[in-house]
Amino acid sequence: MTDRWFAQLERLLFGLMLAVPALLGVTLISIAHTLAHDSLAHDLVRDLGVASFVSVIITVVIELYARNRLQAEIRSGVIEAAVKRMIPEKVWEKIKIEILSQDTIRRNWTLIMNVTDDAALGDGRYRSDTVQSYELYNLTGRETTVLVQHELYSHITGTDGAGETLPRFARVTVGSKHYEGVELQELLGNGSMKLEVPVPLPAAGDVGVPVRLEIREIIRAYDTFVWWMTNNTDQATVEIVAPDNLRFTLKAPYHHGPLQEVTPGRRWAFPGIIALGQGLEFLTDLTTPP
């Protein structure tokens, strides 16, 4: 009850503090109109009246900004205090750095792998026409351009039956812009293994920019590899089309959450967030065909 009374008194005093310079400004401007317009007194009194009004406007703007900033800090402090009771402080600091401080997030991330036999690659090696796609969302609240980076596994190389060197980026799409051929090569570095493409993002956080990467790569039997996330990712899906005797097992060992196997050995879904630096682990082996 006392706190509420003090809050009301504070608002009343603040209103009076604004009313005094506002009334003073009106009075001074009114007096200035009664003086000769070409006199020094007229200009001086008028300028003092205008200054009084300007001081009121500046005070209101600063007060609104300070109040909103204080409320945001209070909310952040309450959330942080509540979370620290449930998890260790070091874990919370890691969450703030790797998740809460990120400027962007990928949503509806999909990986589609079309794996086929290719005798030119050798025994136990398969060609995969892989498509990675997602929508990139802005979390900053202002227009910005981010540099999206992706990199291929440079230690698994070969030449397929068509004479193409694998792995390689075949085509990249950002929004309605397509990159291939010479335009795509200009975005590649590290022996064409690393892609860096600028993506302009609108200020609205509910509008995502679609990104699509078409890749040609080699998949080996009896192998384990991890598809690392280079950004926080929400709602991941993996679909694989492969020869019947090539079996895939998918694991998500680096984070909590249900990895759903929608179609055994062929389709999985992760209905949660995979943080930056985490990934999905793929295991491959051969089985006797039916």
C-alpha atoms as a PDB file:
ATOM      1  CA  MET A   1       0.000   0.000   0.000  1.00  0.00           C
ATOM      2  CA  THR A   2       2.836   2.385   0.915  1.00  0.00           C
ATOM      3  CA  ASP A   3       4.702   1.578  -2.310  1.00  0.00           C
ATOM      4  CA  ARG A   4       1.598   2.391  -4.357  1.00  0.00           C
ATOM      5  CA  TRP A   5       1.172   5.718  -2.534  1.00  0.00           C
ATOM      6  CA  PHE A   6       4.799   6.649  -3.184  1.00  0.00           C
ATOM      7  CA  ALA A   7       4.405   5.716  -6.872  1.00  0.00           C
ATOM      8  CA  GLN A   8       1.363   7.998  -7.203  1.00  0.00           C
ATOM      9  CA  LEU A   9       3.214  10.822  -5.435  1.00  0.00           C
ATOM     10  CA  GLU A  10       6.181  10.336  -7.737  1.00  0.00           C
ATOM     11  CA  ARG A  11       3.973  10.599 -10.839  1.00  0.00           C
ATOM     12  CA  LEU A  12       2.319  13.760  -9.417  1.00  0.00           C
ATOM     13  CA  LEU A  13       5.664  15.440  -8.745  1.00  0.00           C
ATOM     14  CA  PHE A  14       6.923  14.510 -12.203  1.00  0.00           C
ATOM     15  CA  GLY A  15       3.786  16.043 -13.750  1.00  0.00           C
ATOM     16  CA  LEU A  16       4.310  19.251 -11.807  1.00  0.00           C
ATOM     17  CA  MET A  17       7.955  19.367 -12.895  1.00  0.00           C
ATOM     18  CA  LEU A  18       6.801  19.241 -16.501  1.00  0.00           C
ATOM     19  CA  ALA A  19       3.939  21.702 -15.996  1.00  0.00           C
ATOM     20  CA  VAL A  20       6.120  24.477 -14.556  1.00  0.00           C
ATOM     21  CA  PRO A  21       8.498  24.876 -17.555  1.00  0.00           C
ATOM     22  CA  ALA A  22       5.577  24.384 -19.960  1.00  0.00           C
ATOM     23  CA  LEU A  23       3.583  27.222 -18.318  1.00  0.00           C
ATOM     24  CA  LEU A  24       6.741  29.316 -18.167  1.00  0.00           C
ATOM     25  CA  GLY A  25       7.239  28.782 -21.893  1.00  0.00           C
ATOM     26  CA  VAL A  26       3.654  29.877 -22.675  1.00  0.00           C
ATOM     27  CA  THR A  27       4.062  32.937 -20.487  1.00  0.00           C
ATOM     28  CA  LEU A  28       7.360  33.984 -22.031  1.00  0.00           C
ATOM     29  CA  ILE A  29       6.110  33.527 -25.588  1.00  0.00           C
ATOM     30  CA  SER A  30       2.972  35.570 -24.747  1.00  0.00           C
ATOM     31  CA  ILE A  31       5.114  38.343 -23.274  1.00  0.00           C
ATOM     32  CA  ALA A  32       7.347  38.300 -26.356  1.00  0.00           C
ATOM     33  CA  HIS A  33       4.334  39.050 -28.578  1.00  0.00           C
ATOM     34  CA  THR A  34       3.675  42.251 -26.601  1.00  0.00           C
ATOM     35  CA  LEU A  35       7.194  43.540 -27.244  1.00  0.00           C
ATOM     36  CA  ALA A  36       8.484  45.200 -30.356  1.00  0.00           C
ATOM     37  CA  HIS A  37       9.378  42.506 -32.882  1.00  0.00           C
ATOM     38  CA  ASP A  38      12.645  44.136 -33.864  1.00  0.00           C
ATOM     39  CA  SER A  39      13.876  44.550 -30.308  1.00  0.00           C
ATOM     40  CA  LEU A  40      16.484  42.469 -28.471  1.00  0.00           C
ATOM     41  CA  ALA A  41      14.063  41.889 -25.580  1.00  0.00           C
ATOM     42  CA  HIS A  42      11.511  40.278 -27.941  1.00  0.00           C
ATOM     43  CA  ASP A  43      14.047  37.820 -29.328  1.00  0.00           C
ATOM     44  CA  LEU A  44      15.466  36.995 -25.896  1.00  0.00           C
ATOM     45  CA  VAL A  45      12.102  36.373 -24.221  1.00  0.00           C
ATOM     46  CA  ARG A  46      10.809  34.363 -27.205  1.00  0.00           C
ATOM     47  CA  ASP A  47      13.920  32.145 -27.281  1.00  0.00           C
ATOM     48  CA  LEU A  48      13.632  31.492 -23.543  1.00  0.00           C
ATOM     49  CA  GLY A  49       9.995  30.434 -24.018  1.00  0.00           C
ATOM     50  CA  VAL A  50      10.888  28.070 -26.864  1.00  0.00           C
ATOM     51  CA  ALA A  51      13.759  26.633 -24.791  1.00  0.00           C
ATOM     52  CA  SER A  52      11.329  25.897 -21.961  1.00  0.00           C
ATOM     53  CA  PHE A  53       9.094  23.904 -24.324  1.00  0.00           C
ATOM     54  CA  VAL A  54      12.059  22.040 -25.791  1.00  0.00           C
ATOM     55  CA  SER A  55      13.239  21.085 -22.284  1.00  0.00           C
ATOM     56  CA  VAL A  56       9.812  19.551 -21.566  1.00  0.00           C
ATOM     57  CA  ILE A  57       9.907  17.490 -24.773  1.00  0.00           C
ATOM     58  CA  ILE A  58      13.448  16.256 -24.112  1.00  0.00           C
ATOM     59  CA  THR A  59      12.555  15.328 -20.528  1.00  0.00           C
ATOM     60  CA  VAL A  60       9.537  13.273 -21.678  1.00  0.00           C
ATOM     61  CA  VAL A  61      11.577  11.422 -24.328  1.00  0.00           C
ATOM     62  CA  ILE A  62      14.381  10.611 -21.891  1.00  0.00           C
ATOM     63  CA  GLU A  63      11.923   9.478 -19.227  1.00  0.00           C
ATOM     64  CA  LEU A  64      10.110   7.121 -21.628  1.00  0.00           C
ATOM     65  CA  TYR A  65      13.395   5.637 -22.842  1.00  0.00           C
ATOM     66  CA  ALA A  66      14.760   5.231 -19.308  1.00  0.00           C
ATOM     67  CA  ARG A  67      11.529   3.629 -18.103  1.00  0.00           C
ATOM     68  CA  ASN A  68      11.417   1.120 -20.969  1.00  0.00           C
ATOM     69  CA  ARG A  69      15.101   0.308 -20.481  1.00  0.00           C
ATOM     70  CA  LEU A  70      14.578  -0.208 -16.753  1.00  0.00           C
ATOM     71  CA  GLN A  71      11.596  -2.490 -17.322  1.00  0.00           C
ATOM     72  CA  ALA A  72      13.595  -4.558 -19.827  1.00  0.00           C
ATOM     73  CA  GLU A  73      16.487  -4.887 -17.373  1.00  0.00           C
ATOM     74  CA  ILE A  74      14.110  -5.895 -14.589  1.00  0.00           C
ATOM     75  CA  ARG A  75      12.531  -8.589 -16.790  1.00  0.00           C
ATOM     76  CA  SER A  76      15.962  -9.836 -17.819  1.00  0.00           C
ATOM     77  CA  GLY A  77      17.133  -9.894 -14.189  1.00  0.00           C
ATOM     78  CA  VAL A  78      14.061 -11.806 -13.031  1.00  0.00           C
ATOM     79  CA  ILE A  79      14.444 -14.389 -15.806  1.00  0.00           C
ATOM     80  CA  GLU A  80      18.163 -14.794 -15.112  1.00  0.00           C
ATOM     81  CA  ALA A  81      17.600 -15.203 -11.369  1.00  0.00           C
ATOM     82  CA  ALA A  82      14.899 -17.825 -11.979  1.00  0.00           C
ATOM     83  CA  VAL A  83      16.988 -19.789 -14.481  1.00  0.00           C
ATOM     84  CA  LYS A  84      20.089 -19.764 -12.254  1.00  0.00           C
ATOM     85  CA  ARG A  85      18.080 -21.583  -9.591  1.00  0.00           C
ATOM     86  CA  MET A  86      17.444 -24.450 -12.004  1.00  0.00           C
ATOM     87  CA  ILE A  87      20.760 -24.801 -13.861  1.00  0.00           C
ATOM     88  CA  PRO A  88      24.453 -24.147 -13.018  1.00  0.00           C
ATOM     89  CA  GLU A  89      25.724 -20.629 -13.647  1.00  0.00           C
ATOM     90  CA  LYS A  90      28.334 -21.814 -16.190  1.00  0.00           C
ATOM     91  CA  VAL A  91      25.623 -23.532 -18.231  1.00  0.00           C
ATOM     92  CA  TRP A  92      23.486 -20.365 -18.166  1.00  0.00           C
ATOM     93  CA  GLU A  93      26.443 -18.265 -19.356  1.00  0.00           C
ATOM     94  CA  LYS A  94      26.978 -20.705 -22.230  1.00  0.00           C
ATOM     95  CA  ILE A  95      23.293 -20.474 -23.160  1.00  0.00           C
ATOM     96  CA  LYS A  96      23.446 -16.672 -23.203  1.00  0.00           C
ATOM     97  CA  ILE A  97      26.532 -16.663 -25.444  1.00  0.00           C
ATOM     98  CA  GLU A  98      25.593 -19.423 -27.873  1.00  0.00           C
ATOM     99  CA  ILE A  99      21.793 -18.996 -28.080  1.00  0.00           C
ATOM    100  CA  LEU A 100      20.395 -15.765 -26.657  1.00  0.00           C
ATOM    101  CA  SER A 101      23.065 -13.488 -28.144  1.00  0.00           C
ATOM    102  CA  GLN A 102      22.687 -14.764 -31.727  1.00  0.00           C
ATOM    103  CA  ASP A 103      21.428 -12.305 -34.346  1.00  0.00           C
ATOM    104  CA  THR A 104      19.733 -14.919 -36.525  1.00  0.00           C
ATOM    105  CA  ILE A 105      18.036 -18.294 -36.341  1.00  0.00           C
ATOM    106  CA  ARG A 106      17.319 -20.953 -38.956  1.00  0.00           C
ATOM    107  CA  ARG A 107      13.827 -22.413 -39.018  1.00  0.00           C
ATOM    108  CA  ASN A 108      12.318 -25.339 -40.930  1.00  0.00           C
ATOM    109  CA  TRP A 109      15.773 -26.755 -41.668  1.00  0.00           C
ATOM    110  CA  THR A 110      15.562 -29.688 -44.091  1.00  0.00           C
ATOM    111  CA  LEU A 111      18.259 -32.035 -45.368  1.00  0.00           C
ATOM    112  CA  ILE A 112      17.362 -34.274 -48.326  1.00  0.00           C
ATOM    113  CA  MET A 113      19.918 -36.840 -49.511  1.00  0.00           C
ATOM    114  CA  ASN A 114      19.419 -38.797 -52.740  1.00  0.00           C
ATOM    115  CA  VAL A 115      22.101 -41.495 -52.536  1.00  0.00           C
ATOM    116  CA  THR A 116      22.917 -43.614 -55.603  1.00  0.00           C
ATOM    117  CA  ASP A 117      25.492 -46.224 -56.659  1.00  0.00           C
ATOM    118  CA  ASP A 118      28.370 -44.937 -58.770  1.00  0.00           C
ATOM    119  CA  ALA A 119      30.977 -47.539 -59.778  1.00  0.00           C
ATOM    120  CA  ALA A 120      33.524 -44.822 -60.577  1.00  0.00           C
ATOM    121  CA  LEU A 121      33.739 -43.892 -56.888  1.00  0.00           C
ATOM    122  CA  GLY A 122      34.857 -47.379 -55.831  1.00  0.00           C
ATOM    123  CA  ASP A 123      33.457 -50.019 -53.476  1.00  0.00           C
ATOM    124  CA  GLY A 124      31.547 -48.779 -50.464  1.00  0.00           C
ATOM    125  CA  ARG A 125      31.333 -45.226 -51.800  1.00  0.00           C
ATOM    126  CA  TYR A 126      28.128 -43.624 -53.058  1.00  0.00           C
ATOM    127  CA  ARG A 127      27.183 -40.352 -54.718  1.00  0.00           C
ATOM    128  CA  SER A 128      24.687 -38.150 -52.872  1.00  0.00           C
ATOM    129  CA  ASP A 129      22.743 -35.311 -54.448  1.00  0.00           C
ATOM    130  CA  THR A 130      22.134 -33.404 -51.222  1.00  0.00           C
ATOM    131  CA  VAL A 131      19.828 -30.432 -50.721  1.00  0.00           C
ATOM    132  CA  GLN A 132      20.005 -28.357 -47.550  1.00  0.00           C
ATOM    133  CA  SER A 133      17.304 -25.717 -47.137  1.00  0.00           C
ATOM    134  CA  TYR A 134      16.027 -23.457 -44.378  1.00  0.00           C
ATOM    135  CA  GLU A 135      14.533 -20.058 -43.656  1.00  0.00           C
ATOM    136  CA  LEU A 136      16.818 -17.473 -42.044  1.00  0.00           C
ATOM    137  CA  TYR A 137      15.147 -15.110 -39.558  1.00  0.00           C
ATOM    138  CA  ASN A 138      16.423 -11.817 -38.170  1.00  0.00           C
ATOM    139  CA  LEU A 139      16.425 -11.452 -34.353  1.00  0.00           C
ATOM    140  CA  THR A 140      17.927  -7.946 -34.108  1.00  0.00           C
ATOM    141  CA  GLY A 141      14.813  -5.912 -34.928  1.00  0.00           C
ATOM    142  CA  ARG A 142      16.658  -3.885 -37.579  1.00  0.00           C
ATOM    143  CA  GLU A 143      17.574  -4.382 -41.203  1.00  0.00           C
ATOM    144  CA  THR A 144      20.909  -6.136 -41.543  1.00  0.00           C
ATOM    145  CA  THR A 145      23.022  -8.261 -43.871  1.00  0.00           C
ATOM    146  CA  VAL A 146      24.640 -11.417 -42.510  1.00  0.00           C
ATOM    147  CA  LEU A 147      27.332 -13.599 -44.031  1.00  0.00           C
ATOM    148  CA  VAL A 148      26.079 -17.180 -44.264  1.00  0.00           C
ATOM    149  CA  GLN A 149      28.857 -19.773 -44.270  1.00  0.00           C
ATOM    150  CA  HIS A 150      28.852 -23.463 -45.193  1.00  0.00           C
ATOM    151  CA  GLU A 151      31.745 -25.851 -45.732  1.00  0.00           C
ATOM    152  CA  LEU A 152      32.124 -29.281 -47.338  1.00  0.00           C
ATOM    153  CA  TYR A 153      34.065 -32.303 -46.049  1.00  0.00           C
ATOM    154  CA  SER A 154      37.363 -31.831 -47.878  1.00  0.00           C
ATOM    155  CA  HIS A 155      38.847 -35.177 -46.781  1.00  0.00           C
ATOM    156  CA  ILE A 156      36.325 -37.303 -48.715  1.00  0.00           C
ATOM    157  CA  THR A 157      36.962 -36.627 -52.404  1.00  0.00           C
ATOM    158  CA  GLY A 158      36.629 -38.433 -55.703  1.00  0.00           C
ATOM    159  CA  THR A 159      35.457 -38.279 -59.316  1.00  0.00           C
ATOM    160  CA  ASP A 160      32.062 -39.666 -60.256  1.00  0.00           C
ATOM    161  CA  GLY A 161      31.006 -41.444 -63.448  1.00  0.00           C
ATOM    162  CA  ALA A 162      30.216 -38.126 -65.142  1.00  0.00           C
ATOM    163  CA  GLY A 163      33.761 -36.885 -64.520  1.00  0.00           C
ATOM    164  CA  GLU A 164      32.727 -34.371 -61.863  1.00  0.00           C
ATOM    165  CA  THR A 165      34.965 -33.782 -58.853  1.00  0.00           C
ATOM    166  CA  LEU A 166      33.210 -34.381 -55.546  1.00  0.00           C
ATOM    167  CA  PRO A 167      32.298 -32.855 -53.193  1.00  0.00           C
ATOM    168  CA  ARG A 168      31.160 -29.557 -54.703  1.00  0.00           C
ATOM    169  CA  PHE A 169      28.505 -26.900 -54.475  1.00  0.00           C
ATOM    170  CA  ALA A 170      26.236 -27.190 -57.521  1.00  0.00           C
ATOM    171  CA  ARG A 171      23.745 -24.368 -56.962  1.00  0.00           C
ATOM    172  CA  VAL A 172      22.854 -21.894 -54.197  1.00  0.00           C
ATOM    173  CA  THR A 173      19.605 -19.955 -53.857  1.00  0.00           C
ATOM    174  CA  VAL A 174      19.035 -17.026 -51.487  1.00  0.00           C
ATOM    175  CA  GLY A 175      15.530 -15.622 -51.652  1.00  0.00           C
ATOM    176  CA  SER A 176      14.826 -15.302 -55.384  1.00  0.00           C
ATOM    177  CA  LYS A 177      18.526 -15.015 -56.322  1.00  0.00           C
ATOM    178  CA  HIS A 178      20.225 -18.083 -57.844  1.00  0.00           C
ATOM    179  CA  TYR A 179      23.997 -18.613 -57.868  1.00  0.00           C
ATOM    180  CA  GLU A 180      25.625 -21.154 -60.159  1.00  0.00           C
ATOM    181  CA  GLY A 181      28.522 -21.352 -62.575  1.00  0.00           C
ATOM    182  CA  VAL A 182      30.808 -18.322 -62.484  1.00  0.00           C
ATOM    183  CA  GLU A 183      28.586 -16.429 -59.994  1.00  0.00           C
ATOM    184  CA  LEU A 184      28.753 -19.340 -57.579  1.00  0.00           C
ATOM    185  CA  GLN A 185      32.533 -19.700 -57.937  1.00  0.00           C
ATOM    186  CA  GLU A 186      32.935 -16.080 -56.813  1.00  0.00           C
ATOM    187  CA  LEU A 187      31.364 -17.027 -53.462  1.00  0.00           C
ATOM    188  CA  LEU A 188      33.616 -20.032 -52.860  1.00  0.00           C
ATOM    189  CA  GLY A 189      36.969 -20.220 -51.120  1.00  0.00           C
ATOM    190  CA  ASN A 190      39.336 -22.772 -49.600  1.00  0.00           C
ATOM    191  CA  GLY A 191      39.584 -24.753 -52.837  1.00  0.00           C
ATOM    192  CA  SER A 192      35.849 -24.341 -53.568  1.00  0.00           C
ATOM    193  CA  MET A 193      35.060 -26.126 -50.302  1.00  0.00           C
ATOM    194  CA  LYS A 194      33.791 -23.110 -48.343  1.00  0.00           C
ATOM    195  CA  LEU A 195      30.777 -20.988 -49.230  1.00  0.00           C
ATOM    196  CA  GLU A 196      30.262 -17.429 -48.001  1.00  0.00           C
ATOM    197  CA  VAL A 197      27.147 -15.668 -49.249  1.00  0.00           C
ATOM    198  CA  PRO A 198      25.705 -12.338 -47.989  1.00  0.00           C
ATOM    199  CA  VAL A 199      22.030 -12.525 -47.049  1.00  0.00           C
ATOM    200  CA  PRO A 200      20.058  -9.266 -46.565  1.00  0.00           C
ATOM    201  CA  LEU A 201      17.443  -9.628 -43.831  1.00  0.00           C
ATOM    202  CA  PRO A 202      14.407  -7.388 -43.243  1.00  0.00           C
ATOM    203  CA  ALA A 203      13.837  -5.845 -39.817  1.00  0.00           C
ATOM    204  CA  ALA A 204      10.653  -7.832 -39.245  1.00  0.00           C
ATOM    205  CA  GLY A 205      11.498 -10.936 -37.251  1.00  0.00           C
ATOM    206  CA  ASP A 206       8.507 -12.877 -38.584  1.00  0.00           C
ATOM    207  CA  VAL A 207       9.686 -12.777 -42.205  1.00  0.00           C
ATOM    208  CA  GLY A 208      12.278 -15.389 -43.122  1.00  0.00           C
ATOM    209  CA  VAL A 209      14.600 -15.440 -46.145  1.00  0.00           C
ATOM    210  CA  PRO A 210      14.731 -18.889 -47.804  1.00  0.00           C
ATOM    211  CA  VAL A 211      18.196 -20.373 -48.357  1.00  0.00           C
ATOM    212  CA  ARG A 212      18.799 -23.502 -50.448  1.00  0.00           C
ATOM    213  CA  LEU A 213      22.087 -25.296 -51.111  1.00  0.00           C
ATOM    214  CA  GLU A 214      22.444 -28.067 -53.699  1.00  0.00           C
ATOM    215  CA  ILE A 215      25.536 -30.202 -53.070  1.00  0.00           C
ATOM    216  CA  ARG A 216      27.158 -33.211 -54.748  1.00  0.00           C
ATOM    217  CA  GLU A 217      29.106 -35.308 -52.249  1.00  0.00           C
ATOM    218  CA  ILE A 218      30.357 -38.790 -51.385  1.00  0.00           C
ATOM    219  CA  ILE A 219      28.811 -41.023 -48.729  1.00  0.00           C
ATOM    220  CA  ARG A 220      30.813 -43.994 -47.459  1.00  0.00           C
ATOM    221  CA  ALA A 221      29.496 -47.230 -46.002  1.00  0.00           C
ATOM    222  CA  TYR A 222      30.551 -48.129 -42.462  1.00  0.00           C
ATOM    223  CA  ASP A 223      31.195 -44.482 -41.728  1.00  0.00           C
ATOM    224  CA  THR A 224      30.226 -41.890 -39.124  1.00  0.00           C
ATOM    225  CA  PHE A 225      29.910 -38.189 -39.861  1.00  0.00           C
ATOM    226  CA  VAL A 226      28.271 -35.211 -38.174  1.00  0.00           C
ATOM    227  CA  TRP A 227      26.242 -32.520 -39.894  1.00  0.00           C
ATOM    228  CA  TRP A 228      27.254 -29.529 -37.772  1.00  0.00           C
ATOM    229  CA  MET A 229      24.949 -26.563 -37.277  1.00  0.00           C
ATOM    230  CA  THR A 230      26.669 -23.221 -37.917  1.00  0.00           C
ATOM    231  CA  ASN A 231      23.681 -21.335 -36.513  1.00  0.00           C
ATOM    232  CA  ASN A 232      20.877 -21.965 -34.026  1.00  0.00           C
ATOM    233  CA  THR A 233      18.370 -24.176 -35.832  1.00  0.00           C
ATOM    234  CA  ASP A 234      14.689 -24.758 -35.089  1.00  0.00           C
ATOM    235  CA  GLN A 235      12.607 -27.644 -36.471  1.00  0.00           C
ATOM    236  CA  ALA A 236      15.052 -29.950 -38.303  1.00  0.00           C
ATOM    237  CA  THR A 237      14.048 -32.688 -40.738  1.00  0.00           C
ATOM    238  CA  VAL A 238      16.198 -35.265 -42.542  1.00  0.00           C
ATOM    239  CA  GLU A 239      15.042 -37.364 -45.521  1.00  0.00           C
ATOM    240  CA  ILE A 240      17.197 -40.005 -47.237  1.00  0.00           C
ATOM    241  CA  VAL A 241      16.616 -41.961 -50.430  1.00  0.00           C
ATOM    242  CA  ALA A 242      19.266 -44.682 -50.774  1.00  0.00           C
ATOM    243  CA  PRO A 243      19.867 -48.235 -52.068  1.00  0.00           C
ATOM    244  CA  ASP A 244      18.088 -50.833 -49.953  1.00  0.00           C
ATOM    245  CA  ASN A 245      21.328 -52.340 -48.683  1.00  0.00           C
ATOM    246  CA  LEU A 246      22.704 -49.008 -47.402  1.00  0.00           C
ATOM    247  CA  ARG A 247      21.346 -48.362 -43.935  1.00  0.00           C
ATOM    248  CA  PHE A 248      21.423 -45.046 -42.085  1.00  0.00           C
ATOM    249  CA  THR A 249      21.180 -44.455 -38.339  1.00  0.00           C
ATOM    250  CA  LEU A 250      20.725 -40.929 -37.052  1.00  0.00           C
ATOM    251  CA  LYS A 251      21.591 -39.695 -33.563  1.00  0.00           C
ATOM    252  CA  ALA A 252      21.428 -36.382 -31.764  1.00  0.00           C
ATOM    253  CA  PRO A 253      23.951 -36.920 -28.947  1.00  0.00           C
ATOM    254  CA  TYR A 254      24.934 -33.310 -28.303  1.00  0.00           C
ATOM    255  CA  HIS A 255      21.661 -31.904 -27.035  1.00  0.00           C
ATOM    256  CA  HIS A 256      18.462 -32.897 -25.299  1.00  0.00           C
ATOM    257  CA  GLY A 257      15.164 -33.422 -27.056  1.00  0.00           C
ATOM    258  CA  PRO A 258      13.239 -36.113 -28.907  1.00  0.00           C
ATOM    259  CA  LEU A 259      14.694 -37.209 -32.241  1.00  0.00           C
ATOM    260  CA  GLN A 260      11.707 -38.778 -33.984  1.00  0.00           C
ATOM    261  CA  GLU A 261      12.295 -41.530 -36.540  1.00  0.00           C
ATOM    262  CA  VAL A 262       9.296 -40.963 -38.792  1.00  0.00           C
ATOM    263  CA  THR A 263      10.264 -43.624 -41.359  1.00  0.00           C
ATOM    264  CA  PRO A 264      12.755 -46.253 -40.125  1.00  0.00           C
ATOM    265  CA  GLY A 265      16.192 -45.576 -41.564  1.00  0.00           C
ATOM    266  CA  ARG A 266      14.901 -42.964 -44.000  1.00  0.00           C
ATOM    267  CA  ARG A 267      13.196 -39.973 -42.349  1.00  0.00           C
ATOM    268  CA  TRP A 268      13.729 -38.181 -39.026  1.00  0.00           C
ATOM    269  CA  ALA A 269      12.435 -35.022 -37.353  1.00  0.00           C
ATOM    270  CA  PHE A 270      13.773 -32.994 -34.435  1.00  0.00           C
ATOM    271  CA  PRO A 271      10.987 -30.686 -33.151  1.00  0.00           C
ATOM    272  CA  GLY A 272      13.236 -28.437 -31.108  1.00  0.00           C
ATOM    273  CA  ILE A 273      16.274 -26.168 -31.261  1.00  0.00           C
ATOM    274  CA  ILE A 274      19.745 -27.423 -32.177  1.00  0.00           C
ATOM    275  CA  ALA A 275      22.243 -24.867 -30.901  1.00  0.00           C
ATOM    276  CA  LEU A 276      25.238 -23.418 -32.702  1.00  0.00           C
ATOM    277  CA  GLY A 277      28.103 -25.933 -32.674  1.00  0.00           C
ATOM    278  CA  GLN A 278      25.854 -28.939 -32.137  1.00  0.00           C
ATOM    279  CA  GLY A 279      24.870 -31.403 -34.826  1.00  0.00           C
ATOM    280  CA  LEU A 280      23.210 -34.567 -36.054  1.00  0.00           C
ATOM    281  CA  GLU A 281      25.333 -37.710 -36.187  1.00  0.00           C
ATOM    282  CA  PHE A 282      24.957 -40.064 -39.178  1.00  0.00           C
ATOM    283  CA  LEU A 283      26.063 -43.703 -39.103  1.00  0.00           C
ATOM    284  CA  THR A 284      26.073 -45.868 -42.231  1.00  0.00           C
ATOM    285  CA  ASP A 285      26.448 -49.618 -42.739  1.00  0.00           C
ATOM    286  CA  LEU A 286      25.590 -52.264 -45.336  1.00  0.00           C
ATOM    287  CA  THR A 287      22.943 -54.929 -44.955  1.00  0.00           C
ATOM    288  CA  THR A 288      22.075 -57.935 -47.091  1.00  0.00           C
ATOM    289  CA  PRO A 289      19.471 -56.841 -49.669  1.00  0.00           C
ATOM    290  CA  PRO A 290      16.091 -58.632 -49.476  1.00  0.00           C
END
